[in-house]
Amino acid sequence: LSHPIGALYDTHHGMTNAVFMPYVLAFNREAVEDKIVRLAAYCG
């Protein structure tokens, strides 16, 4: 999603990724929840 926004609006790529991040994380929840639980534990 970030790539077309950057190509059409010349936005900063990393900042565009940052905007989309929580929405995509929520969308992917069903597939990644177990992995994210392990990740959260590692990150404290």
PDB file of all heavy atoms in Angstrom:
ATOM      1  N   LEU A   1       0.827  -1.218   0.000  1.00  0.00           N
ATOM      2  CA  LEU A   1       0.000   0.000   0.000  1.00  0.00           C
ATOM      3  C   LEU A   1       0.856   1.262   0.000  1.00  0.00           C
ATOM      4  O   LEU A   1       0.502   2.273  -0.615  1.00  0.00           O
ATOM      5  CB  LEU A   1      -0.929  -0.005   1.215  1.00  0.00           C
ATOM      6  CG  LEU A   1      -2.090  -1.003   1.095  1.00  0.00           C
ATOM      7  CD1 LEU A   1      -2.576  -1.441   2.462  1.00  0.00           C
ATOM      8  CD2 LEU A   1      -3.230  -0.390   0.285  1.00  0.00           C
ATOM      9  N   SER A   2       1.991   1.182   0.669  1.00  0.00           N
ATOM     10  CA  SER A   2       2.879   2.343   0.750  1.00  0.00           C
ATOM     11  C   SER A   2       3.488   2.687  -0.615  1.00  0.00           C
ATOM     12  O   SER A   2       3.650   3.868  -0.952  1.00  0.00           O
ATOM     13  CB  SER A   2       3.988   2.047   1.763  1.00  0.00           C
ATOM     14  OG  SER A   2       4.901   3.095   1.837  1.00  0.00           O
ATOM     15  N   HIS A   3       3.820   1.664  -1.405  1.00  0.00           N
ATOM     16  CA  HIS A   3       4.455   1.916  -2.708  1.00  0.00           C
ATOM     17  C   HIS A   3       3.589   2.755  -3.646  1.00  0.00           C
ATOM     18  O   HIS A   3       4.075   3.753  -4.199  1.00  0.00           O
ATOM     19  CB  HIS A   3       4.858   0.589  -3.366  1.00  0.00           C
ATOM     20  CG  HIS A   3       6.096  -0.018  -2.778  1.00  0.00           C
ATOM     21  ND1 HIS A   3       6.404  -1.354  -2.880  1.00  0.00           N
ATOM     22  CD2 HIS A   3       7.112   0.542  -2.064  1.00  0.00           C
ATOM     23  CE1 HIS A   3       7.544  -1.589  -2.260  1.00  0.00           C
ATOM     24  NE2 HIS A   3       8.000  -0.461  -1.757  1.00  0.00           N
ATOM     25  N   PRO A   4       2.292   2.417  -3.866  1.00  0.00           N
ATOM     26  CA  PRO A   4       1.490   3.281  -4.747  1.00  0.00           C
ATOM     27  C   PRO A   4       1.273   4.691  -4.182  1.00  0.00           C
ATOM     28  O   PRO A   4       1.267   5.665  -4.939  1.00  0.00           O
ATOM     29  CB  PRO A   4       0.156   2.540  -4.888  1.00  0.00           C
ATOM     30  CG  PRO A   4       0.151   1.441  -3.900  1.00  0.00           C
ATOM     31  CD  PRO A   4       1.575   1.166  -3.531  1.00  0.00           C
ATOM     32  N   ILE A   5       1.133   4.809  -2.860  1.00  0.00           N
ATOM     33  CA  ILE A   5       0.981   6.152  -2.266  1.00  0.00           C
ATOM     34  C   ILE A   5       2.238   6.978  -2.526  1.00  0.00           C
ATOM     35  O   ILE A   5       2.178   8.150  -2.917  1.00  0.00           O
ATOM     36  CB  ILE A   5       0.695   6.048  -0.740  1.00  0.00           C
ATOM     37  CG1 ILE A   5      -0.664   5.389  -0.473  1.00  0.00           C
ATOM     38  CG2 ILE A   5       0.770   7.428  -0.076  1.00  0.00           C
ATOM     39  CD1 ILE A   5      -1.881   6.190  -0.862  1.00  0.00           C
ATOM     40  N   GLY A   6       3.403   6.359  -2.337  1.00  0.00           N
ATOM     41  CA  GLY A   6       4.671   7.058  -2.588  1.00  0.00           C
ATOM     42  C   GLY A   6       4.834   7.446  -4.041  1.00  0.00           C
ATOM     43  O   GLY A   6       5.306   8.544  -4.363  1.00  0.00           O
ATOM     44  N   ALA A   7       4.436   6.534  -4.958  1.00  0.00           N
ATOM     45  CA  ALA A   7       4.577   6.803  -6.395  1.00  0.00           C
ATOM     46  C   ALA A   7       3.633   7.908  -6.858  1.00  0.00           C
ATOM     47  O   ALA A   7       3.995   8.739  -7.692  1.00  0.00           O
ATOM     48  CB  ALA A   7       4.321   5.522  -7.187  1.00  0.00           C
ATOM     49  N   LEU A   8       2.420   7.942  -6.290  1.00  0.00           N
ATOM     50  CA  LEU A   8       1.412   8.927  -6.738  1.00  0.00           C
ATOM     51  C   LEU A   8       1.525  10.274  -6.020  1.00  0.00           C
ATOM     52  O   LEU A   8       1.207  11.312  -6.592  1.00  0.00           O
ATOM     53  CB  LEU A   8      -0.001   8.363  -6.531  1.00  0.00           C
ATOM     54  CG  LEU A   8      -0.377   7.150  -7.407  1.00  0.00           C
ATOM     55  CD1 LEU A   8      -1.656   6.501  -6.898  1.00  0.00           C
ATOM     56  CD2 LEU A   8      -0.534   7.560  -8.869  1.00  0.00           C
ATOM     57  N   TYR A   9       1.966  10.260  -4.753  1.00  0.00           N
ATOM     58  CA  TYR A   9       1.963  11.492  -3.952  1.00  0.00           C
ATOM     59  C   TYR A   9       3.362  11.917  -3.499  1.00  0.00           C
ATOM     60  O   TYR A   9       3.504  12.920  -2.797  1.00  0.00           O
ATOM     61  CB  TYR A   9       1.053  11.330  -2.719  1.00  0.00           C
ATOM     62  CG  TYR A   9      -0.396  11.099  -3.076  1.00  0.00           C
ATOM     63  CD1 TYR A   9      -0.920   9.808  -3.125  1.00  0.00           C
ATOM     64  CD2 TYR A   9      -1.243  12.163  -3.396  1.00  0.00           C
ATOM     65  CE1 TYR A   9      -2.253   9.579  -3.463  1.00  0.00           C
ATOM     66  CE2 TYR A   9      -2.572  11.946  -3.736  1.00  0.00           C
ATOM     67  CZ  TYR A   9      -3.075  10.653  -3.768  1.00  0.00           C
ATOM     68  OH  TYR A   9      -4.392  10.440  -4.104  1.00  0.00           O
ATOM     69  N   ASP A  10       4.399  11.157  -3.886  1.00  0.00           N
ATOM     70  CA  ASP A  10       5.790  11.480  -3.548  1.00  0.00           C
ATOM     71  C   ASP A  10       5.996  11.654  -2.040  1.00  0.00           C
ATOM     72  O   ASP A  10       6.695  12.562  -1.595  1.00  0.00           O
ATOM     73  CB  ASP A  10       6.240  12.744  -4.303  1.00  0.00           C
ATOM     74  CG  ASP A  10       7.684  12.618  -4.791  1.00  0.00           C
ATOM     75  OD1 ASP A  10       8.198  11.471  -4.843  1.00  0.00           O
ATOM     76  OD2 ASP A  10       8.310  13.644  -5.095  1.00  0.00           O
ATOM     77  N   THR A  11       5.380  10.785  -1.257  1.00  0.00           N
ATOM     78  CA  THR A  11       5.523  10.842   0.200  1.00  0.00           C
ATOM     79  C   THR A  11       6.816  10.158   0.641  1.00  0.00           C
ATOM     80  O   THR A  11       7.399   9.388  -0.118  1.00  0.00           O
ATOM     81  CB  THR A  11       4.343  10.119   0.884  1.00  0.00           C
ATOM     82  OG1 THR A  11       4.268   8.776   0.361  1.00  0.00           O
ATOM     83  CG2 THR A  11       3.039  10.832   0.659  1.00  0.00           C
ATOM     84  N   HIS A  12       7.220  10.425   1.876  1.00  0.00           N
ATOM     85  CA  HIS A  12       8.384   9.733   2.440  1.00  0.00           C
ATOM     86  C   HIS A  12       8.007   8.273   2.670  1.00  0.00           C
ATOM     87  O   HIS A  12       7.024   7.965   3.352  1.00  0.00           O
ATOM     88  CB  HIS A  12       8.816  10.383   3.765  1.00  0.00           C
ATOM     89  CG  HIS A  12      10.091   9.791   4.309  1.00  0.00           C
ATOM     90  ND1 HIS A  12      10.118   8.626   5.034  1.00  0.00           N
ATOM     91  CD2 HIS A  12      11.379  10.193   4.196  1.00  0.00           C
ATOM     92  CE1 HIS A  12      11.372   8.333   5.352  1.00  0.00           C
ATOM     93  NE2 HIS A  12      12.158   9.277   4.869  1.00  0.00           N
ATOM     94  N   HIS A  13       8.797   7.373   2.100  1.00  0.00           N
ATOM     95  CA  HIS A  13       8.453   5.941   2.113  1.00  0.00           C
ATOM     96  C   HIS A  13       8.291   5.397   3.535  1.00  0.00           C
ATOM     97  O   HIS A  13       7.292   4.742   3.856  1.00  0.00           O
ATOM     98  CB  HIS A  13       9.528   5.150   1.353  1.00  0.00           C
ATOM     99  CG  HIS A  13       9.391   3.671   1.487  1.00  0.00           C
ATOM    100  ND1 HIS A  13       8.317   2.974   0.965  1.00  0.00           N
ATOM    101  CD2 HIS A  13      10.176   2.755   2.109  1.00  0.00           C
ATOM    102  CE1 HIS A  13       8.456   1.683   1.256  1.00  0.00           C
ATOM    103  NE2 HIS A  13       9.573   1.527   1.939  1.00  0.00           N
ATOM    104  N   GLY A  14       9.261   5.680   4.396  1.00  0.00           N
ATOM    105  CA  GLY A  14       9.215   5.141   5.752  1.00  0.00           C
ATOM    106  C   GLY A  14       8.048   5.681   6.551  1.00  0.00           C
ATOM    107  O   GLY A  14       7.404   4.953   7.317  1.00  0.00           O
ATOM    108  N   MET A  15       7.769   6.969   6.381  1.00  0.00           N
ATOM    109  CA  MET A  15       6.655   7.577   7.110  1.00  0.00           C
ATOM    110  C   MET A  15       5.317   7.022   6.606  1.00  0.00           C
ATOM    111  O   MET A  15       4.379   6.841   7.386  1.00  0.00           O
ATOM    112  CB  MET A  15       6.720   9.106   6.954  1.00  0.00           C
ATOM    113  CG  MET A  15       5.946   9.883   7.988  1.00  0.00           C
ATOM    114  SD  MET A  15       6.341   9.486   9.709  1.00  0.00           S
ATOM    115  CE  MET A  15       7.577  10.679  10.112  1.00  0.00           C
ATOM    116  N   THR A  16       5.239   6.729   5.311  1.00  0.00           N
ATOM    117  CA  THR A  16       4.021   6.126   4.754  1.00  0.00           C
ATOM    118  C   THR A  16       3.833   4.719   5.326  1.00  0.00           C
ATOM    119  O   THR A  16       2.718   4.331   5.703  1.00  0.00           O
ATOM    120  CB  THR A  16       4.094   6.067   3.208  1.00  0.00           C
ATOM    121  OG1 THR A  16       4.596   7.312   2.717  1.00  0.00           O
ATOM    122  CG2 THR A  16       2.728   5.822   2.602  1.00  0.00           C
ATOM    123  N   ASN A  17       4.921   3.963   5.413  1.00  0.00           N
ATOM    124  CA  ASN A  17       4.866   2.650   6.067  1.00  0.00           C
ATOM    125  C   ASN A  17       4.356   2.775   7.499  1.00  0.00           C
ATOM    126  O   ASN A  17       3.555   1.958   7.965  1.00  0.00           O
ATOM    127  CB  ASN A  17       6.264   2.010   6.107  1.00  0.00           C
ATOM    128  CG  ASN A  17       6.674   1.368   4.800  1.00  0.00           C
ATOM    129  OD1 ASN A  17       5.850   1.102   3.941  1.00  0.00           O
ATOM    130  ND2 ASN A  17       7.959   1.121   4.651  1.00  0.00           N
ATOM    131  N   ALA A  18       4.836   3.796   8.200  1.00  0.00           N
ATOM    132  CA  ALA A  18       4.467   3.994   9.605  1.00  0.00           C
ATOM    133  C   ALA A  18       2.969   4.244   9.753  1.00  0.00           C
ATOM    134  O   ALA A  18       2.333   3.775  10.698  1.00  0.00           O
ATOM    135  CB  ALA A  18       5.263   5.162  10.191  1.00  0.00           C
ATOM    136  N   VAL A  19       2.394   4.997   8.804  1.00  0.00           N
ATOM    137  CA  VAL A  19       0.953   5.270   8.849  1.00  0.00           C
ATOM    138  C   VAL A  19       0.162   3.974   8.661  1.00  0.00           C
ATOM    139  O   VAL A  19      -0.780   3.681   9.399  1.00  0.00           O
ATOM    140  CB  VAL A  19       0.548   6.322   7.789  1.00  0.00           C
ATOM    141  CG1 VAL A  19      -0.976   6.463   7.715  1.00  0.00           C
ATOM    142  CG2 VAL A  19       1.176   7.680   8.107  1.00  0.00           C
ATOM    143  N   PHE A  20       0.554   3.159   7.692  1.00  0.00           N
ATOM    144  CA  PHE A  20      -0.200   1.938   7.377  1.00  0.00           C
ATOM    145  C   PHE A  20      -0.009   0.813   8.410  1.00  0.00           C
ATOM    146  O   PHE A  20      -0.838  -0.092   8.509  1.00  0.00           O
ATOM    147  CB  PHE A  20       0.201   1.402   5.993  1.00  0.00           C
ATOM    148  CG  PHE A  20      -0.526   2.059   4.851  1.00  0.00           C
ATOM    149  CD1 PHE A  20       0.159   2.849   3.928  1.00  0.00           C
ATOM    150  CD2 PHE A  20      -1.889   1.885   4.681  1.00  0.00           C
ATOM    151  CE1 PHE A  20      -0.511   3.461   2.874  1.00  0.00           C
ATOM    152  CE2 PHE A  20      -2.573   2.479   3.634  1.00  0.00           C
ATOM    153  CZ  PHE A  20      -1.885   3.273   2.720  1.00  0.00           C
ATOM    154  N   MET A  21       1.070   0.870   9.182  1.00  0.00           N
ATOM    155  CA  MET A  21       1.475  -0.281  10.001  1.00  0.00           C
ATOM    156  C   MET A  21       0.376  -0.851  10.909  1.00  0.00           C
ATOM    157  O   MET A  21       0.097  -2.058  10.860  1.00  0.00           O
ATOM    158  CB  MET A  21       2.716   0.094  10.822  1.00  0.00           C
ATOM    159  CG  MET A  21       3.376  -1.094  11.504  1.00  0.00           C
ATOM    160  SD  MET A  21       4.920  -0.614  12.323  1.00  0.00           S
ATOM    161  CE  MET A  21       5.985  -0.253  10.930  1.00  0.00           C
ATOM    162  N   PRO A  22      -0.286  -0.051  11.748  1.00  0.00           N
ATOM    163  CA  PRO A  22      -1.268  -0.661  12.666  1.00  0.00           C
ATOM    164  C   PRO A  22      -2.486  -1.239  11.960  1.00  0.00           C
ATOM    165  O   PRO A  22      -3.065  -2.228  12.426  1.00  0.00           O
ATOM    166  CB  PRO A  22      -1.656   0.492  13.594  1.00  0.00           C
ATOM    167  CG  PRO A  22      -1.317   1.731  12.859  1.00  0.00           C
ATOM    168  CD  PRO A  22      -0.151   1.394  11.972  1.00  0.00           C
ATOM    169  N   TYR A  23      -2.869  -0.639  10.826  1.00  0.00           N
ATOM    170  CA  TYR A  23      -4.037  -1.132  10.092  1.00  0.00           C
ATOM    171  C   TYR A  23      -3.752  -2.509   9.486  1.00  0.00           C
ATOM    172  O   TYR A  23      -4.594  -3.405   9.523  1.00  0.00           O
ATOM    173  CB  TYR A  23      -4.438  -0.129   9.002  1.00  0.00           C
ATOM    174  CG  TYR A  23      -4.639   1.272   9.535  1.00  0.00           C
ATOM    175  CD1 TYR A  23      -3.667   2.258   9.353  1.00  0.00           C
ATOM    176  CD2 TYR A  23      -5.774   1.597  10.271  1.00  0.00           C
ATOM    177  CE1 TYR A  23      -3.824   3.534   9.873  1.00  0.00           C
ATOM    178  CE2 TYR A  23      -5.946   2.874  10.800  1.00  0.00           C
ATOM    179  CZ  TYR A  23      -4.966   3.830  10.593  1.00  0.00           C
ATOM    180  OH  TYR A  23      -5.125   5.090  11.127  1.00  0.00           O
ATOM    181  N   VAL A  24      -2.538  -2.659   8.954  1.00  0.00           N
ATOM    182  CA  VAL A  24      -2.154  -3.941   8.344  1.00  0.00           C
ATOM    183  C   VAL A  24      -1.946  -5.000   9.434  1.00  0.00           C
ATOM    184  O   VAL A  24      -2.344  -6.161   9.266  1.00  0.00           O
ATOM    185  CB  VAL A  24      -0.893  -3.780   7.467  1.00  0.00           C
ATOM    186  CG1 VAL A  24      -0.393  -5.140   6.980  1.00  0.00           C
ATOM    187  CG2 VAL A  24      -1.179  -2.864   6.281  1.00  0.00           C
ATOM    188  N   LEU A  25      -1.364  -4.600  10.556  1.00  0.00           N
ATOM    189  CA  LEU A  25      -1.162  -5.542  11.659  1.00  0.00           C
ATOM    190  C   LEU A  25      -2.510  -6.105  12.123  1.00  0.00           C
ATOM    191  O   LEU A  25      -2.656  -7.320  12.321  1.00  0.00           O
ATOM    192  CB  LEU A  25      -0.438  -4.848  12.821  1.00  0.00           C
ATOM    193  CG  LEU A  25      -0.096  -5.730  14.033  1.00  0.00           C
ATOM    194  CD1 LEU A  25       0.876  -6.842  13.659  1.00  0.00           C
ATOM    195  CD2 LEU A  25       0.483  -4.879  15.165  1.00  0.00           C
ATOM    196  N   ALA A  26      -3.509  -5.239  12.261  1.00  0.00           N
ATOM    197  CA  ALA A  26      -4.848  -5.681  12.666  1.00  0.00           C
ATOM    198  C   ALA A  26      -5.454  -6.615  11.619  1.00  0.00           C
ATOM    199  O   ALA A  26      -6.064  -7.637  11.956  1.00  0.00           O
ATOM    200  CB  ALA A  26      -5.752  -4.464  12.875  1.00  0.00           C
ATOM    201  N   PHE A  27      -5.272  -6.287  10.353  1.00  0.00           N
ATOM    202  CA  PHE A  27      -5.803  -7.105   9.253  1.00  0.00           C
ATOM    203  C   PHE A  27      -5.197  -8.511   9.258  1.00  0.00           C
ATOM    204  O   PHE A  27      -5.872  -9.508   8.976  1.00  0.00           O
ATOM    205  CB  PHE A  27      -5.515  -6.395   7.925  1.00  0.00           C
ATOM    206  CG  PHE A  27      -5.815  -7.202   6.687  1.00  0.00           C
ATOM    207  CD1 PHE A  27      -7.124  -7.469   6.313  1.00  0.00           C
ATOM    208  CD2 PHE A  27      -4.782  -7.697   5.894  1.00  0.00           C
ATOM    209  CE1 PHE A  27      -7.408  -8.210   5.166  1.00  0.00           C
ATOM    210  CE2 PHE A  27      -5.052  -8.441   4.746  1.00  0.00           C
ATOM    211  CZ  PHE A  27      -6.374  -8.694   4.390  1.00  0.00           C
ATOM    212  N   ASN A  28      -3.916  -8.594   9.617  1.00  0.00           N
ATOM    213  CA  ASN A  28      -3.193  -9.871   9.580  1.00  0.00           C
ATOM    214  C   ASN A  28      -3.328 -10.680  10.875  1.00  0.00           C
ATOM    215  O   ASN A  28      -2.778 -11.780  10.974  1.00  0.00           O
ATOM    216  CB  ASN A  28      -1.700  -9.630   9.318  1.00  0.00           C
ATOM    217  CG  ASN A  28      -1.422  -9.214   7.889  1.00  0.00           C
ATOM    218  OD1 ASN A  28      -2.184  -9.518   6.979  1.00  0.00           O
ATOM    219  ND2 ASN A  28      -0.314  -8.508   7.683  1.00  0.00           N
ATOM    220  N   ARG A  29      -4.052 -10.158  11.845  1.00  0.00           N
ATOM    221  CA  ARG A  29      -4.057 -10.741  13.193  1.00  0.00           C
ATOM    222  C   ARG A  29      -4.253 -12.260  13.210  1.00  0.00           C
ATOM    223  O   ARG A  29      -3.502 -12.988  13.863  1.00  0.00           O
ATOM    224  CB  ARG A  29      -5.139 -10.073  14.049  1.00  0.00           C
ATOM    225  CG  ARG A  29      -5.203 -10.657  15.456  1.00  0.00           C
ATOM    226  CD  ARG A  29      -6.092  -9.879  16.392  1.00  0.00           C
ATOM    227  NE  ARG A  29      -5.912 -10.339  17.766  1.00  0.00           N
ATOM    228  CZ  ARG A  29      -6.140  -9.608  18.840  1.00  0.00           C
ATOM    229  NH1 ARG A  29      -6.559  -8.360  18.727  1.00  0.00           N
ATOM    230  NH2 ARG A  29      -5.950 -10.111  20.049  1.00  0.00           N
ATOM    231  N   GLU A  30      -5.256 -12.728  12.517  1.00  0.00           N
ATOM    232  CA  GLU A  30      -5.600 -14.149  12.550  1.00  0.00           C
ATOM    233  C   GLU A  30      -4.410 -15.042  12.173  1.00  0.00           C
ATOM    234  O   GLU A  30      -4.202 -16.105  12.753  1.00  0.00           O
ATOM    235  CB  GLU A  30      -6.764 -14.398  11.583  1.00  0.00           C
ATOM    236  CG  GLU A  30      -7.375 -15.785  11.692  1.00  0.00           C
ATOM    237  CD  GLU A  30      -8.465 -16.014  10.654  1.00  0.00           C
ATOM    238  OE1 GLU A  30      -9.086 -15.021  10.194  1.00  0.00           O
ATOM    239  OE2 GLU A  30      -8.679 -17.179  10.295  1.00  0.00           O
ATOM    240  N   ALA A  31      -3.624 -14.579  11.212  1.00  0.00           N
ATOM    241  CA  ALA A  31      -2.513 -15.391  10.699  1.00  0.00           C
ATOM    242  C   ALA A  31      -1.235 -15.262  11.528  1.00  0.00           C
ATOM    243  O   ALA A  31      -0.380 -16.150  11.496  1.00  0.00           O
ATOM    244  CB  ALA A  31      -2.220 -15.018   9.248  1.00  0.00           C
ATOM    245  N   VAL A  32      -1.087 -14.147  12.261  1.00  0.00           N
ATOM    246  CA  VAL A  32       0.217 -13.885  12.907  1.00  0.00           C
ATOM    247  C   VAL A  32       0.153 -13.776  14.429  1.00  0.00           C
ATOM    248  O   VAL A  32       1.180 -13.548  15.065  1.00  0.00           O
ATOM    249  CB  VAL A  32       0.874 -12.596  12.330  1.00  0.00           C
ATOM    250  CG1 VAL A  32       1.072 -12.717  10.837  1.00  0.00           C
ATOM    251  CG2 VAL A  32       0.067 -11.342  12.678  1.00  0.00           C
ATOM    252  N   GLU A  33      -1.031 -13.942  15.015  1.00  0.00           N
ATOM    253  CA  GLU A  33      -1.162 -13.671  16.456  1.00  0.00           C
ATOM    254  C   GLU A  33      -0.160 -14.447  17.303  1.00  0.00           C
ATOM    255  O   GLU A  33       0.502 -13.876  18.182  1.00  0.00           O
ATOM    256  CB  GLU A  33      -2.595 -13.969  16.933  1.00  0.00           C
ATOM    257  CG  GLU A  33      -2.788 -13.616  18.400  1.00  0.00           C
ATOM    258  CD  GLU A  33      -4.223 -13.314  18.791  1.00  0.00           C
ATOM    259  OE1 GLU A  33      -5.144 -13.481  17.954  1.00  0.00           O
ATOM    260  OE2 GLU A  33      -4.425 -12.901  19.935  1.00  0.00           O
ATOM    261  N   ASP A  34       0.003 -15.739  17.048  1.00  0.00           N
ATOM    262  CA  ASP A  34       0.936 -16.540  17.851  1.00  0.00           C
ATOM    263  C   ASP A  34       2.370 -16.019  17.728  1.00  0.00           C
ATOM    264  O   ASP A  34       3.111 -15.957  18.720  1.00  0.00           O
ATOM    265  CB  ASP A  34       0.896 -18.014  17.425  1.00  0.00           C
ATOM    266  CG  ASP A  34      -0.406 -18.703  17.849  1.00  0.00           C
ATOM    267  OD1 ASP A  34      -1.152 -18.106  18.650  1.00  0.00           O
ATOM    268  OD2 ASP A  34      -0.675 -19.817  17.365  1.00  0.00           O
ATOM    269  N   LYS A  35       2.759 -15.655  16.504  1.00  0.00           N
ATOM    270  CA  LYS A  35       4.119 -15.137  16.286  1.00  0.00           C
ATOM    271  C   LYS A  35       4.310 -13.806  17.019  1.00  0.00           C
ATOM    272  O   LYS A  35       5.373 -13.546  17.599  1.00  0.00           O
ATOM    273  CB  LYS A  35       4.386 -14.937  14.784  1.00  0.00           C
ATOM    274  CG  LYS A  35       4.439 -16.210  13.982  1.00  0.00           C
ATOM    275  CD  LYS A  35       4.976 -15.976  12.587  1.00  0.00           C
ATOM    276  CE  LYS A  35       6.492 -15.964  12.596  1.00  0.00           C
ATOM    277  NZ  LYS A  35       7.074 -16.015  11.253  1.00  0.00           N
ATOM    278  N   ILE A  36       3.283 -12.955  16.984  1.00  0.00           N
ATOM    279  CA  ILE A  36       3.391 -11.641  17.624  1.00  0.00           C
ATOM    280  C   ILE A  36       3.427 -11.790  19.148  1.00  0.00           C
ATOM    281  O   ILE A  36       4.124 -11.026  19.840  1.00  0.00           O
ATOM    282  CB  ILE A  36       2.230 -10.710  17.179  1.00  0.00           C
ATOM    283  CG1 ILE A  36       2.304 -10.435  15.672  1.00  0.00           C
ATOM    284  CG2 ILE A  36       2.245  -9.397  17.965  1.00  0.00           C
ATOM    285  CD1 ILE A  36       3.526  -9.670  15.194  1.00  0.00           C
ATOM    286  N   VAL A  37       2.719 -12.782  19.688  1.00  0.00           N
ATOM    287  CA  VAL A  37       2.776 -13.045  21.132  1.00  0.00           C
ATOM    288  C   VAL A  37       4.218 -13.380  21.542  1.00  0.00           C
ATOM    289  O   VAL A  37       4.743 -12.856  22.534  1.00  0.00           O
ATOM    290  CB  VAL A  37       1.801 -14.189  21.518  1.00  0.00           C
ATOM    291  CG1 VAL A  37       2.067 -14.672  22.948  1.00  0.00           C
ATOM    292  CG2 VAL A  37       0.353 -13.713  21.386  1.00  0.00           C
ATOM    293  N   ARG A  38       4.890 -14.240  20.754  1.00  0.00           N
ATOM    294  CA  ARG A  38       6.296 -14.578  21.038  1.00  0.00           C
ATOM    295  C   ARG A  38       7.197 -13.349  20.905  1.00  0.00           C
ATOM    296  O   ARG A  38       8.101 -13.127  21.709  1.00  0.00           O
ATOM    297  CB  ARG A  38       6.789 -15.673  20.081  1.00  0.00           C
ATOM    298  CG  ARG A  38       6.182 -17.032  20.314  1.00  0.00           C
ATOM    299  CD  ARG A  38       7.008 -18.145  19.658  1.00  0.00           C
ATOM    300  NE  ARG A  38       7.115 -18.011  18.208  1.00  0.00           N
ATOM    301  CZ  ARG A  38       6.230 -18.499  17.354  1.00  0.00           C
ATOM    302  NH1 ARG A  38       5.148 -19.126  17.795  1.00  0.00           N
ATOM    303  NH2 ARG A  38       6.399 -18.361  16.052  1.00  0.00           N
ATOM    304  N   LEU A  39       6.937 -12.562  19.868  1.00  0.00           N
ATOM    305  CA  LEU A  39       7.728 -11.352  19.617  1.00  0.00           C
ATOM    306  C   LEU A  39       7.586 -10.357  20.767  1.00  0.00           C
ATOM    307  O   LEU A  39       8.576  -9.789  21.243  1.00  0.00           O
ATOM    308  CB  LEU A  39       7.274 -10.712  18.294  1.00  0.00           C
ATOM    309  CG  LEU A  39       7.879  -9.370  17.925  1.00  0.00           C
ATOM    310  CD1 LEU A  39       9.387  -9.473  17.746  1.00  0.00           C
ATOM    311  CD2 LEU A  39       7.237  -8.832  16.639  1.00  0.00           C
ATOM    312  N   ALA A  40       6.348 -10.151  21.208  1.00  0.00           N
ATOM    313  CA  ALA A  40       6.087  -9.214  22.312  1.00  0.00           C
ATOM    314  C   ALA A  40       6.848  -9.644  23.561  1.00  0.00           C
ATOM    315  O   ALA A  40       7.475  -8.818  24.242  1.00  0.00           O
ATOM    316  CB  ALA A  40       4.583  -9.134  22.585  1.00  0.00           C
ATOM    317  N   ALA A  41       6.825 -10.945  23.849  1.00  0.00           N
ATOM    318  CA  ALA A  41       7.529 -11.457  25.032  1.00  0.00           C
ATOM    319  C   ALA A  41       9.025 -11.171  24.929  1.00  0.00           C
ATOM    320  O   ALA A  41       9.662 -10.735  25.896  1.00  0.00           O
ATOM    321  CB  ALA A  41       7.276 -12.959  25.180  1.00  0.00           C
ATOM    322  N   TYR A  42       9.598 -11.382  23.725  1.00  0.00           N
ATOM    323  CA  TYR A  42      11.030 -11.137  23.538  1.00  0.00           C
ATOM    324  C   TYR A  42      11.372  -9.660  23.737  1.00  0.00           C
ATOM    325  O   TYR A  42      12.416  -9.311  24.292  1.00  0.00           O
ATOM    326  CB  TYR A  42      11.471 -11.595  22.144  1.00  0.00           C
ATOM    327  CG  TYR A  42      12.939 -11.348  21.897  1.00  0.00           C
ATOM    328  CD1 TYR A  42      13.902 -12.168  22.482  1.00  0.00           C
ATOM    329  CD2 TYR A  42      13.373 -10.288  21.111  1.00  0.00           C
ATOM    330  CE1 TYR A  42      15.250 -11.935  22.287  1.00  0.00           C
ATOM    331  CE2 TYR A  42      14.724 -10.049  20.913  1.00  0.00           C
ATOM    332  CZ  TYR A  42      15.654 -10.869  21.503  1.00  0.00           C
ATOM    333  OH  TYR A  42      16.994 -10.634  21.315  1.00  0.00           O
ATOM    334  N   CYS A  43      10.473  -8.796  23.278  1.00  0.00           N
ATOM    335  CA  CYS A  43      10.710  -7.341  23.365  1.00  0.00           C
ATOM    336  C   CYS A  43      10.356  -6.769  24.741  1.00  0.00           C
ATOM    337  O   CYS A  43      10.496  -5.561  24.954  1.00  0.00           O
ATOM    338  CB  CYS A  43       9.912  -6.612  22.290  1.00  0.00           C
ATOM    339  SG  CYS A  43      10.462  -6.957  20.607  1.00  0.00           S
ATOM    340  N   GLY A  44       9.876  -7.629  25.638  1.00  0.00           N
ATOM    341  CA  GLY A  44       9.503  -7.149  26.972  1.00  0.00           C
ATOM    342  C   GLY A  44       8.207  -6.364  26.973  1.00  0.00           C
ATOM    343  O   GLY A  44       7.986  -5.502  27.836  1.00  0.00           O
TER     344      GLY A  44
END
